[in-house]
């Protein structure tokens, strides 16, 4: 157990990853402050509302950032106002709402003597079209969407602030996390989107021929790594975090048929230009540094997620 007086700020703590992270931090004895936008939905954290503090504010407002950092030891930066698929429509907005506010956060973290920032980057978008599979951390970063460019820039600023000001940090490039509380009505996240349609006997649509391959990791495996990173100091600052296994959309459908017992016949739509054909992360570095293995296989994870969607949607 950690010292219970250590306080963690989870920026974006009301969301899918943030709420699971808050669960894990609380169970490890940390004080947790969840920061999220004004009037955000509390449904993801209602079960732990008595065990944490909630701050509502605007991540683009310096005053709110300063307020959120009061007495905080560790910061988890999970905030993004854009999604990969739509970020290119307005790159200027992306810079204004994600990059500039992240720089304000770094400045204030130095002023408040924050011990470490854990930044959630993107294992999909920062690499762009992979030259080699599985993708190692030192693979060139050539994002083809604004979302990935911003994540890349924040990684680089963290490096700069560490060199110039000694601000400690760890970056996790997460593959495709899935599980309970992920929004199945979003345009992102094949697993929850498909499962909701299957639960309602609606048509599942796939962009392309179903060969697009991704690395899917169950959310509770993810947050264990994020929390243990607080206490692990390593010269490595950037880690891929995924299952290390690639699965095509067609393979996902096969698993879903097995889990749901339904005969799913997807409708194949024209492929999208922004979809990289294959993205699978090499996770050997995080395995060796944290002595960690993902423990939830895809069938178990999808079973849990399907049950959650059937009960909540």
C-alpha atoms as a PDB file:
ATOM      1  CA  UNK A   1       0.000   0.000   0.000  1.00  0.00           C
ATOM      2  CA  UNK A   2       1.160   3.517  -0.708  1.00  0.00           C
ATOM      3  CA  UNK A   3       1.125   6.368   1.743  1.00  0.00           C
ATOM      4  CA  UNK A   4      -2.554   7.348   1.882  1.00  0.00           C
ATOM      5  CA  UNK A   5      -1.640  11.028   2.003  1.00  0.00           C
ATOM      6  CA  UNK A   6      -0.379  10.961  -1.551  1.00  0.00           C
ATOM      7  CA  UNK A   7      -2.863  12.694  -3.797  1.00  0.00           C
ATOM      8  CA  UNK A   8      -3.510  11.936  -7.457  1.00  0.00           C
ATOM      9  CA  UNK A   9      -5.278  14.229  -9.874  1.00  0.00           C
ATOM     10  CA  UNK A  10      -7.056  12.413 -12.706  1.00  0.00           C
ATOM     11  CA  UNK A  11      -7.744  14.875 -15.531  1.00  0.00           C
ATOM     12  CA  UNK A  12     -10.662  13.418 -17.444  1.00  0.00           C
ATOM     13  CA  UNK A  13     -11.518  11.167 -14.506  1.00  0.00           C
ATOM     14  CA  UNK A  14     -15.209  10.897 -15.357  1.00  0.00           C
ATOM     15  CA  UNK A  15     -14.500   9.050 -18.596  1.00  0.00           C
ATOM     16  CA  UNK A  16     -13.986   5.411 -19.480  1.00  0.00           C
ATOM     17  CA  UNK A  17     -10.253   5.114 -18.699  1.00  0.00           C
ATOM     18  CA  UNK A  18     -10.342   7.738 -15.934  1.00  0.00           C
ATOM     19  CA  UNK A  19     -13.066   6.029 -13.907  1.00  0.00           C
ATOM     20  CA  UNK A  20     -11.287   2.642 -13.988  1.00  0.00           C
ATOM     21  CA  UNK A  21      -8.030   4.397 -13.096  1.00  0.00           C
ATOM     22  CA  UNK A  22      -9.743   6.070 -10.132  1.00  0.00           C
ATOM     23  CA  UNK A  23     -10.996   2.647  -8.952  1.00  0.00           C
ATOM     24  CA  UNK A  24      -7.473   1.265  -9.067  1.00  0.00           C
ATOM     25  CA  UNK A  25      -5.892   4.302  -7.346  1.00  0.00           C
ATOM     26  CA  UNK A  26      -8.429   4.155  -4.506  1.00  0.00           C
ATOM     27  CA  UNK A  27      -7.860   0.452  -4.007  1.00  0.00           C
ATOM     28  CA  UNK A  28      -4.109   1.194  -3.774  1.00  0.00           C
ATOM     29  CA  UNK A  29      -4.638   3.719  -0.977  1.00  0.00           C
ATOM     30  CA  UNK A  30      -4.271   7.004  -2.872  1.00  0.00           C
ATOM     31  CA  UNK A  31      -6.383  10.116  -2.378  1.00  0.00           C
ATOM     32  CA  UNK A  32      -8.071  10.854  -5.719  1.00  0.00           C
ATOM     33  CA  UNK A  33      -9.284  14.102  -7.237  1.00  0.00           C
ATOM     34  CA  UNK A  34     -11.292  13.729 -10.437  1.00  0.00           C
ATOM     35  CA  UNK A  35     -11.250  16.779 -12.721  1.00  0.00           C
ATOM     36  CA  UNK A  36     -13.679  16.883 -15.600  1.00  0.00           C
ATOM     37  CA  UNK A  37     -15.734  19.357 -17.599  1.00  0.00           C
ATOM     38  CA  UNK A  38     -18.653  21.310 -16.137  1.00  0.00           C
ATOM     39  CA  UNK A  39     -21.775  19.193 -15.520  1.00  0.00           C
ATOM     40  CA  UNK A  40     -20.065  16.014 -16.734  1.00  0.00           C
ATOM     41  CA  UNK A  41     -21.985  12.771 -16.289  1.00  0.00           C
ATOM     42  CA  UNK A  42     -21.081  11.135 -12.949  1.00  0.00           C
ATOM     43  CA  UNK A  43     -22.423   7.716 -13.901  1.00  0.00           C
ATOM     44  CA  UNK A  44     -18.961   6.169 -14.321  1.00  0.00           C
ATOM     45  CA  UNK A  45     -17.854   7.185 -10.823  1.00  0.00           C
ATOM     46  CA  UNK A  46     -21.128   6.976  -8.885  1.00  0.00           C
ATOM     47  CA  UNK A  47     -19.987   3.752  -7.173  1.00  0.00           C
ATOM     48  CA  UNK A  48     -16.888   5.499  -5.717  1.00  0.00           C
ATOM     49  CA  UNK A  49     -18.261   9.011  -5.218  1.00  0.00           C
ATOM     50  CA  UNK A  50     -17.729   8.861  -1.434  1.00  0.00           C
ATOM     51  CA  UNK A  51     -14.077   7.886  -1.880  1.00  0.00           C
ATOM     52  CA  UNK A  52     -12.881  10.771  -4.038  1.00  0.00           C
ATOM     53  CA  UNK A  53     -13.233  14.513  -4.605  1.00  0.00           C
ATOM     54  CA  UNK A  54     -14.717  15.917  -7.774  1.00  0.00           C
ATOM     55  CA  UNK A  55     -13.696  19.177  -9.426  1.00  0.00           C
ATOM     56  CA  UNK A  56     -15.582  20.529 -12.412  1.00  0.00           C
ATOM     57  CA  UNK A  57     -13.929  23.061 -14.650  1.00  0.00           C
ATOM     58  CA  UNK A  58     -12.460  23.961 -18.004  1.00  0.00           C
ATOM     59  CA  UNK A  59      -9.111  22.421 -18.940  1.00  0.00           C
ATOM     60  CA  UNK A  60      -8.518  25.509 -21.118  1.00  0.00           C
ATOM     61  CA  UNK A  61      -8.846  27.864 -18.164  1.00  0.00           C
ATOM     62  CA  UNK A  62      -5.583  28.553 -16.326  1.00  0.00           C
ATOM     63  CA  UNK A  63      -7.476  29.369 -13.115  1.00  0.00           C
ATOM     64  CA  UNK A  64      -9.162  25.943 -13.104  1.00  0.00           C
ATOM     65  CA  UNK A  65      -5.874  24.161 -13.769  1.00  0.00           C
ATOM     66  CA  UNK A  66      -4.194  25.991 -10.879  1.00  0.00           C
ATOM     67  CA  UNK A  67      -7.096  25.111  -8.573  1.00  0.00           C
ATOM     68  CA  UNK A  68      -7.025  21.441  -9.561  1.00  0.00           C
ATOM     69  CA  UNK A  69      -3.313  21.061  -8.717  1.00  0.00           C
ATOM     70  CA  UNK A  70      -3.581  22.221  -5.106  1.00  0.00           C
ATOM     71  CA  UNK A  71      -1.762  19.744  -2.861  1.00  0.00           C
ATOM     72  CA  UNK A  72      -1.423  17.185  -5.673  1.00  0.00           C
ATOM     73  CA  UNK A  73       1.534  14.760  -5.835  1.00  0.00           C
ATOM     74  CA  UNK A  74       0.781  13.002  -9.135  1.00  0.00           C
ATOM     75  CA  UNK A  75      -1.107  14.005 -12.261  1.00  0.00           C
ATOM     76  CA  UNK A  76      -2.726  11.663 -14.803  1.00  0.00           C
ATOM     77  CA  UNK A  77      -3.390  13.561 -18.021  1.00  0.00           C
ATOM     78  CA  UNK A  78      -6.198  11.808 -19.905  1.00  0.00           C
ATOM     79  CA  UNK A  79      -7.946  14.838 -21.365  1.00  0.00           C
ATOM     80  CA  UNK A  80      -8.596  15.210 -25.083  1.00  0.00           C
ATOM     81  CA  UNK A  81     -11.329  17.338 -26.632  1.00  0.00           C
ATOM     82  CA  UNK A  82     -11.030  15.611 -30.027  1.00  0.00           C
ATOM     83  CA  UNK A  83     -11.135  12.106 -31.503  1.00  0.00           C
ATOM     84  CA  UNK A  84      -8.738  10.664 -34.109  1.00  0.00           C
ATOM     85  CA  UNK A  85     -11.441  10.268 -36.764  1.00  0.00           C
ATOM     86  CA  UNK A  86     -12.687  13.868 -36.560  1.00  0.00           C
ATOM     87  CA  UNK A  87      -9.613  15.855 -35.418  1.00  0.00           C
ATOM     88  CA  UNK A  88      -8.511  16.763 -38.961  1.00  0.00           C
ATOM     89  CA  UNK A  89     -11.678  18.764 -39.524  1.00  0.00           C
ATOM     90  CA  UNK A  90     -10.389  21.496 -37.225  1.00  0.00           C
ATOM     91  CA  UNK A  91      -6.672  21.223 -36.366  1.00  0.00           C
ATOM     92  CA  UNK A  92      -6.602  24.780 -34.983  1.00  0.00           C
ATOM     93  CA  UNK A  93      -9.251  23.869 -32.398  1.00  0.00           C
ATOM     94  CA  UNK A  94      -7.200  20.773 -31.572  1.00  0.00           C
ATOM     95  CA  UNK A  95      -4.101  22.887 -30.896  1.00  0.00           C
ATOM     96  CA  UNK A  96      -6.026  25.484 -28.863  1.00  0.00           C
ATOM     97  CA  UNK A  97      -7.911  23.037 -26.665  1.00  0.00           C
ATOM     98  CA  UNK A  98      -5.355  20.246 -26.235  1.00  0.00           C
ATOM     99  CA  UNK A  99      -1.816  21.484 -26.783  1.00  0.00           C
ATOM    100  CA  UNK A 100      -1.956  24.948 -25.237  1.00  0.00           C
ATOM    101  CA  UNK A 101      -3.846  23.758 -22.166  1.00  0.00           C
ATOM    102  CA  UNK A 102      -1.361  20.896 -21.736  1.00  0.00           C
ATOM    103  CA  UNK A 103       1.474  23.453 -21.717  1.00  0.00           C
ATOM    104  CA  UNK A 104      -0.366  25.436 -19.034  1.00  0.00           C
ATOM    105  CA  UNK A 105      -0.611  22.200 -17.063  1.00  0.00           C
ATOM    106  CA  UNK A 106       3.136  21.552 -17.349  1.00  0.00           C
ATOM    107  CA  UNK A 107       3.982  25.081 -16.209  1.00  0.00           C
ATOM    108  CA  UNK A 108       1.668  24.850 -13.214  1.00  0.00           C
ATOM    109  CA  UNK A 109       2.928  21.362 -12.355  1.00  0.00           C
ATOM    110  CA  UNK A 110       6.425  22.804 -11.965  1.00  0.00           C
ATOM    111  CA  UNK A 111       5.088  25.653  -9.803  1.00  0.00           C
ATOM    112  CA  UNK A 112       3.249  23.121  -7.628  1.00  0.00           C
ATOM    113  CA  UNK A 113       6.198  20.706  -7.389  1.00  0.00           C
ATOM    114  CA  UNK A 114       4.246  17.788  -8.846  1.00  0.00           C
ATOM    115  CA  UNK A 115       6.273  14.573  -8.450  1.00  0.00           C
ATOM    116  CA  UNK A 116       5.284  12.975 -11.748  1.00  0.00           C
ATOM    117  CA  UNK A 117       2.933  13.321 -14.703  1.00  0.00           C
ATOM    118  CA  UNK A 118       1.527  10.214 -16.358  1.00  0.00           C
ATOM    119  CA  UNK A 119       0.410  11.075 -19.878  1.00  0.00           C
ATOM    120  CA  UNK A 120      -1.933   8.900 -21.909  1.00  0.00           C
ATOM    121  CA  UNK A 121      -0.722   9.060 -25.484  1.00  0.00           C
ATOM    122  CA  UNK A 122      -1.931   6.999 -28.417  1.00  0.00           C
ATOM    123  CA  UNK A 123      -0.377   3.717 -29.518  1.00  0.00           C
ATOM    124  CA  UNK A 124      -2.351   3.921 -32.723  1.00  0.00           C
ATOM    125  CA  UNK A 125      -2.121   7.449 -34.028  1.00  0.00           C
ATOM    126  CA  UNK A 126       1.397   8.642 -33.086  1.00  0.00           C
ATOM    127  CA  UNK A 127       3.088   6.064 -35.312  1.00  0.00           C
ATOM    128  CA  UNK A 128       1.021   6.591 -38.464  1.00  0.00           C
ATOM    129  CA  UNK A 129       1.519   3.881 -41.091  1.00  0.00           C
ATOM    130  CA  UNK A 130       3.806   1.310 -39.436  1.00  0.00           C
ATOM    131  CA  UNK A 131       6.962   0.316 -41.280  1.00  0.00           C
ATOM    132  CA  UNK A 132       7.374  -2.767 -39.109  1.00  0.00           C
ATOM    133  CA  UNK A 133       5.027  -4.926 -36.999  1.00  0.00           C
ATOM    134  CA  UNK A 134       4.962  -5.212 -34.026  1.00  0.00           C
ATOM    135  CA  UNK A 135       5.734  -1.542 -33.422  1.00  0.00           C
ATOM    136  CA  UNK A 136       8.507  -0.744 -30.966  1.00  0.00           C
ATOM    137  CA  UNK A 137       8.720   2.529 -28.999  1.00  0.00           C
ATOM    138  CA  UNK A 138      11.594   3.793 -31.179  1.00  0.00           C
ATOM    139  CA  UNK A 139       9.562   3.409 -34.397  1.00  0.00           C
ATOM    140  CA  UNK A 140       9.335   6.723 -36.330  1.00  0.00           C
ATOM    141  CA  UNK A 141       6.375   8.871 -35.313  1.00  0.00           C
ATOM    142  CA  UNK A 142       4.538  10.067 -38.424  1.00  0.00           C
ATOM    143  CA  UNK A 143       0.916  10.720 -37.452  1.00  0.00           C
ATOM    144  CA  UNK A 144      -1.628  11.228 -40.232  1.00  0.00           C
ATOM    145  CA  UNK A 145      -4.253  12.863 -38.009  1.00  0.00           C
ATOM    146  CA  UNK A 146      -4.176  16.015 -35.921  1.00  0.00           C
ATOM    147  CA  UNK A 147      -5.051  14.014 -32.788  1.00  0.00           C
ATOM    148  CA  UNK A 148      -1.821  12.016 -33.183  1.00  0.00           C
ATOM    149  CA  UNK A 149       0.236  15.132 -33.939  1.00  0.00           C
ATOM    150  CA  UNK A 150      -0.956  16.767 -30.697  1.00  0.00           C
ATOM    151  CA  UNK A 151      -0.180  13.615 -28.670  1.00  0.00           C
ATOM    152  CA  UNK A 152       3.273  13.539 -30.237  1.00  0.00           C
ATOM    153  CA  UNK A 153       3.836  17.234 -29.430  1.00  0.00           C
ATOM    154  CA  UNK A 154       2.822  16.748 -25.783  1.00  0.00           C
ATOM    155  CA  UNK A 155       5.268  13.823 -25.524  1.00  0.00           C
ATOM    156  CA  UNK A 156       8.018  16.102 -26.859  1.00  0.00           C
ATOM    157  CA  UNK A 157       7.158  18.932 -24.466  1.00  0.00           C
ATOM    158  CA  UNK A 158       7.255  16.485 -21.551  1.00  0.00           C
ATOM    159  CA  UNK A 159      10.776  15.535 -22.626  1.00  0.00           C
ATOM    160  CA  UNK A 160      11.729  19.208 -22.820  1.00  0.00           C
ATOM    161  CA  UNK A 161      10.241  20.065 -19.400  1.00  0.00           C
ATOM    162  CA  UNK A 162      11.995  17.061 -17.892  1.00  0.00           C
ATOM    163  CA  UNK A 163      15.362  18.194 -19.296  1.00  0.00           C
ATOM    164  CA  UNK A 164      14.935  21.865 -18.434  1.00  0.00           C
ATOM    165  CA  UNK A 165      12.966  21.713 -15.178  1.00  0.00           C
ATOM    166  CA  UNK A 166      13.362  18.153 -13.883  1.00  0.00           C
ATOM    167  CA  UNK A 167       9.634  17.414 -14.202  1.00  0.00           C
ATOM    168  CA  UNK A 168       9.334  13.621 -14.004  1.00  0.00           C
ATOM    169  CA  UNK A 169       6.938  11.882 -16.374  1.00  0.00           C
ATOM    170  CA  UNK A 170       5.889   8.619 -17.986  1.00  0.00           C
ATOM    171  CA  UNK A 171       4.089   8.337 -21.321  1.00  0.00           C
ATOM    172  CA  UNK A 172       1.878   5.373 -22.165  1.00  0.00           C
ATOM    173  CA  UNK A 173       1.036   4.799 -25.811  1.00  0.00           C
ATOM    174  CA  UNK A 174      -2.072   2.700 -25.313  1.00  0.00           C
ATOM    175  CA  UNK A 175      -3.417   0.506 -28.105  1.00  0.00           C
ATOM    176  CA  UNK A 176      -7.215   0.012 -28.125  1.00  0.00           C
ATOM    177  CA  UNK A 177      -8.541  -0.292 -24.576  1.00  0.00           C
ATOM    178  CA  UNK A 178     -12.042  -1.691 -24.152  1.00  0.00           C
ATOM    179  CA  UNK A 179     -14.369  -2.752 -21.354  1.00  0.00           C
ATOM    180  CA  UNK A 180     -17.224  -1.621 -19.157  1.00  0.00           C
ATOM    181  CA  UNK A 181     -18.163   2.085 -19.233  1.00  0.00           C
ATOM    182  CA  UNK A 182     -16.773   2.650 -22.727  1.00  0.00           C
ATOM    183  CA  UNK A 183     -19.419   4.538 -24.645  1.00  0.00           C
ATOM    184  CA  UNK A 184     -21.006   2.263 -27.285  1.00  0.00           C
ATOM    185  CA  UNK A 185     -22.675   5.280 -28.912  1.00  0.00           C
ATOM    186  CA  UNK A 186     -19.340   6.899 -29.766  1.00  0.00           C
ATOM    187  CA  UNK A 187     -17.693   6.823 -33.205  1.00  0.00           C
ATOM    188  CA  UNK A 188     -14.645   5.281 -31.531  1.00  0.00           C
ATOM    189  CA  UNK A 189     -14.197   1.760 -30.175  1.00  0.00           C
ATOM    190  CA  UNK A 190     -15.157  -1.163 -32.409  1.00  0.00           C
ATOM    191  CA  UNK A 191     -15.828  -3.550 -29.525  1.00  0.00           C
ATOM    192  CA  UNK A 192     -18.521  -1.562 -27.629  1.00  0.00           C
ATOM    193  CA  UNK A 193     -20.066  -0.199 -30.839  1.00  0.00           C
ATOM    194  CA  UNK A 194     -20.416  -3.683 -32.342  1.00  0.00           C
ATOM    195  CA  UNK A 195     -21.636  -5.240 -29.081  1.00  0.00           C
ATOM    196  CA  UNK A 196     -24.403  -2.683 -28.627  1.00  0.00           C
ATOM    197  CA  UNK A 197     -25.639  -3.297 -32.167  1.00  0.00           C
ATOM    198  CA  UNK A 198     -25.508  -7.055 -31.615  1.00  0.00           C
ATOM    199  CA  UNK A 199     -27.425  -6.700 -28.320  1.00  0.00           C
ATOM    200  CA  UNK A 200     -30.146  -4.748 -30.154  1.00  0.00           C
ATOM    201  CA  UNK A 201     -30.082  -7.060 -33.207  1.00  0.00           C
ATOM    202  CA  UNK A 202     -29.004  -4.148 -35.421  1.00  0.00           C
ATOM    203  CA  UNK A 203     -26.747  -4.324 -38.470  1.00  0.00           C
ATOM    204  CA  UNK A 204     -23.016  -4.284 -37.696  1.00  0.00           C
ATOM    205  CA  UNK A 205     -21.137  -2.178 -40.252  1.00  0.00           C
ATOM    206  CA  UNK A 206     -17.460  -2.577 -41.017  1.00  0.00           C
ATOM    207  CA  UNK A 207     -15.336  -0.119 -42.998  1.00  0.00           C
ATOM    208  CA  UNK A 208     -13.386  -2.103 -45.616  1.00  0.00           C
ATOM    209  CA  UNK A 209     -13.201  -5.898 -45.895  1.00  0.00           C
ATOM    210  CA  UNK A 210     -12.748  -6.581 -42.167  1.00  0.00           C
ATOM    211  CA  UNK A 211      -8.997  -7.201 -42.435  1.00  0.00           C
ATOM    212  CA  UNK A 212      -8.071  -4.043 -40.466  1.00  0.00           C
ATOM    213  CA  UNK A 213      -6.044  -5.352 -37.549  1.00  0.00           C
ATOM    214  CA  UNK A 214      -5.636  -3.778 -34.133  1.00  0.00           C
ATOM    215  CA  UNK A 215      -4.268  -4.561 -30.707  1.00  0.00           C
ATOM    216  CA  UNK A 216      -7.124  -4.672 -28.130  1.00  0.00           C
ATOM    217  CA  UNK A 217      -6.485  -4.579 -24.383  1.00  0.00           C
ATOM    218  CA  UNK A 218      -8.944  -4.941 -21.521  1.00  0.00           C
ATOM    219  CA  UNK A 219      -9.202  -1.787 -19.403  1.00  0.00           C
ATOM    220  CA  UNK A 220      -8.468  -3.339 -15.997  1.00  0.00           C
ATOM    221  CA  UNK A 221      -5.145  -4.649 -17.347  1.00  0.00           C
ATOM    222  CA  UNK A 222      -4.348  -1.093 -18.492  1.00  0.00           C
ATOM    223  CA  UNK A 223      -4.997   0.732 -15.213  1.00  0.00           C
ATOM    224  CA  UNK A 224      -2.856  -1.671 -13.158  1.00  0.00           C
ATOM    225  CA  UNK A 225       0.135  -0.544 -15.236  1.00  0.00           C
ATOM    226  CA  UNK A 226      -0.761   3.156 -14.961  1.00  0.00           C
ATOM    227  CA  UNK A 227      -0.910   2.992 -11.163  1.00  0.00           C
ATOM    228  CA  UNK A 228       2.255   0.944 -10.679  1.00  0.00           C
ATOM    229  CA  UNK A 229       4.112   3.479 -12.859  1.00  0.00           C
ATOM    230  CA  UNK A 230       3.849   5.975 -10.001  1.00  0.00           C
ATOM    231  CA  UNK A 231       6.375   4.004  -7.978  1.00  0.00           C
ATOM    232  CA  UNK A 232       8.643   2.710 -10.728  1.00  0.00           C
ATOM    233  CA  UNK A 233      11.487   4.924 -11.793  1.00  0.00           C
ATOM    234  CA  UNK A 234      13.055   3.978 -15.074  1.00  0.00           C
ATOM    235  CA  UNK A 235      15.283   5.733 -17.561  1.00  0.00           C
ATOM    236  CA  UNK A 236      12.626   4.727 -20.093  1.00  0.00           C
ATOM    237  CA  UNK A 237       9.921   7.374 -20.161  1.00  0.00           C
ATOM    238  CA  UNK A 238       7.785   6.072 -23.033  1.00  0.00           C
ATOM    239  CA  UNK A 239       6.027   2.725 -23.075  1.00  0.00           C
ATOM    240  CA  UNK A 240       3.719   0.937 -25.466  1.00  0.00           C
ATOM    241  CA  UNK A 241       0.771  -0.528 -23.599  1.00  0.00           C
ATOM    242  CA  UNK A 242      -1.343  -3.146 -25.344  1.00  0.00           C
ATOM    243  CA  UNK A 243      -1.935  -6.868 -25.526  1.00  0.00           C
ATOM    244  CA  UNK A 244       0.809  -7.352 -28.105  1.00  0.00           C
ATOM    245  CA  UNK A 245      -1.636  -9.428 -30.174  1.00  0.00           C
ATOM    246  CA  UNK A 246      -3.255  -8.266 -33.421  1.00  0.00           C
ATOM    247  CA  UNK A 247      -6.862  -9.142 -34.242  1.00  0.00           C
ATOM    248  CA  UNK A 248      -8.742  -8.270 -37.400  1.00  0.00           C
ATOM    249  CA  UNK A 249     -12.311  -6.958 -37.287  1.00  0.00           C
ATOM    250  CA  UNK A 250     -13.433 -10.256 -38.814  1.00  0.00           C
ATOM    251  CA  UNK A 251     -11.724 -12.142 -35.977  1.00  0.00           C
ATOM    252  CA  UNK A 252     -13.472  -9.879 -33.444  1.00  0.00           C
ATOM    253  CA  UNK A 253     -16.815 -10.749 -35.038  1.00  0.00           C
ATOM    254  CA  UNK A 254     -16.011 -14.470 -34.660  1.00  0.00           C
ATOM    255  CA  UNK A 255     -15.281 -13.996 -30.938  1.00  0.00           C
ATOM    256  CA  UNK A 256     -18.524 -12.005 -30.587  1.00  0.00           C
ATOM    257  CA  UNK A 257     -20.522 -14.765 -32.290  1.00  0.00           C
ATOM    258  CA  UNK A 258     -19.150 -17.223 -29.747  1.00  0.00           C
ATOM    259  CA  UNK A 259     -19.766 -14.936 -26.750  1.00  0.00           C
ATOM    260  CA  UNK A 260     -23.269 -13.772 -27.720  1.00  0.00           C
ATOM    261  CA  UNK A 261     -24.494 -16.941 -29.397  1.00  0.00           C
ATOM    262  CA  UNK A 262     -25.833 -14.812 -32.256  1.00  0.00           C
ATOM    263  CA  UNK A 263     -25.269 -15.287 -35.969  1.00  0.00           C
ATOM    264  CA  UNK A 264     -23.761 -11.940 -36.907  1.00  0.00           C
ATOM    265  CA  UNK A 265     -23.605 -10.990 -40.583  1.00  0.00           C
ATOM    266  CA  UNK A 266     -21.713  -7.697 -40.911  1.00  0.00           C
ATOM    267  CA  UNK A 267     -22.289  -5.264 -43.750  1.00  0.00           C
ATOM    268  CA  UNK A 268     -19.035  -4.177 -45.388  1.00  0.00           C
ATOM    269  CA  UNK A 269     -18.743  -0.486 -46.314  1.00  0.00           C
ATOM    270  CA  UNK A 270     -16.117   1.290 -48.388  1.00  0.00           C
ATOM    271  CA  UNK A 271     -12.754   1.553 -46.619  1.00  0.00           C
ATOM    272  CA  UNK A 272     -11.693   4.870 -45.047  1.00  0.00           C
ATOM    273  CA  UNK A 273      -8.415   6.585 -45.940  1.00  0.00           C
ATOM    274  CA  UNK A 274      -7.518   7.318 -42.326  1.00  0.00           C
ATOM    275  CA  UNK A 275      -7.542   3.641 -41.280  1.00  0.00           C
ATOM    276  CA  UNK A 276      -4.053   2.190 -41.003  1.00  0.00           C
ATOM    277  CA  UNK A 277      -4.279  -1.472 -42.149  1.00  0.00           C
ATOM    278  CA  UNK A 278      -2.365  -2.994 -39.217  1.00  0.00           C
ATOM    279  CA  UNK A 279      -1.333  -1.663 -35.822  1.00  0.00           C
ATOM    280  CA  UNK A 280       0.069  -4.050 -33.230  1.00  0.00           C
ATOM    281  CA  UNK A 281       2.344  -2.846 -30.428  1.00  0.00           C
ATOM    282  CA  UNK A 282       5.541  -4.466 -29.194  1.00  0.00           C
ATOM    283  CA  UNK A 283       5.051  -4.565 -25.410  1.00  0.00           C
ATOM    284  CA  UNK A 284       8.335  -6.220 -24.406  1.00  0.00           C
ATOM    285  CA  UNK A 285       9.658  -3.031 -22.746  1.00  0.00           C
ATOM    286  CA  UNK A 286       6.744  -2.570 -20.320  1.00  0.00           C
ATOM    287  CA  UNK A 287       6.802  -6.317 -19.582  1.00  0.00           C
ATOM    288  CA  UNK A 288      10.452  -6.187 -18.569  1.00  0.00           C
ATOM    289  CA  UNK A 289      10.360  -2.879 -16.643  1.00  0.00           C
ATOM    290  CA  UNK A 290       7.119  -3.535 -14.740  1.00  0.00           C
ATOM    291  CA  UNK A 291       7.213  -7.352 -14.667  1.00  0.00           C
ATOM    292  CA  UNK A 292       3.696  -7.155 -16.088  1.00  0.00           C
ATOM    293  CA  UNK A 293       1.580  -9.327 -18.370  1.00  0.00           C
ATOM    294  CA  UNK A 294      -1.944  -8.620 -19.623  1.00  0.00           C
ATOM    295  CA  UNK A 295      -4.097 -11.254 -17.898  1.00  0.00           C
ATOM    296  CA  UNK A 296      -7.528 -10.902 -19.547  1.00  0.00           C
ATOM    297  CA  UNK A 297      -7.942 -12.786 -22.805  1.00  0.00           C
ATOM    298  CA  UNK A 298     -10.159 -11.291 -25.516  1.00  0.00           C
ATOM    299  CA  UNK A 299     -13.022 -13.740 -25.017  1.00  0.00           C
ATOM    300  CA  UNK A 300     -13.256 -13.030 -21.272  1.00  0.00           C
ATOM    301  CA  UNK A 301     -12.983  -9.281 -21.825  1.00  0.00           C
ATOM    302  CA  UNK A 302     -15.673  -9.249 -24.516  1.00  0.00           C
ATOM    303  CA  UNK A 303     -17.963 -11.404 -22.327  1.00  0.00           C
ATOM    304  CA  UNK A 304     -17.698  -8.881 -19.454  1.00  0.00           C
ATOM    305  CA  UNK A 305     -18.211  -5.935 -21.826  1.00  0.00           C
ATOM    306  CA  UNK A 306     -21.244  -7.530 -23.490  1.00  0.00           C
ATOM    307  CA  UNK A 307     -22.887  -8.188 -20.125  1.00  0.00           C
ATOM    308  CA  UNK A 308     -22.311  -4.556 -19.142  1.00  0.00           C
ATOM    309  CA  UNK A 309     -23.804  -3.256 -22.417  1.00  0.00           C
ATOM    310  CA  UNK A 310     -26.856  -5.525 -22.139  1.00  0.00           C
ATOM    311  CA  UNK A 311     -27.480  -4.258 -18.598  1.00  0.00           C
ATOM    312  CA  UNK A 312     -26.876  -0.551 -19.286  1.00  0.00           C
ATOM    313  CA  UNK A 313     -27.955   0.105 -22.879  1.00  0.00           C
END
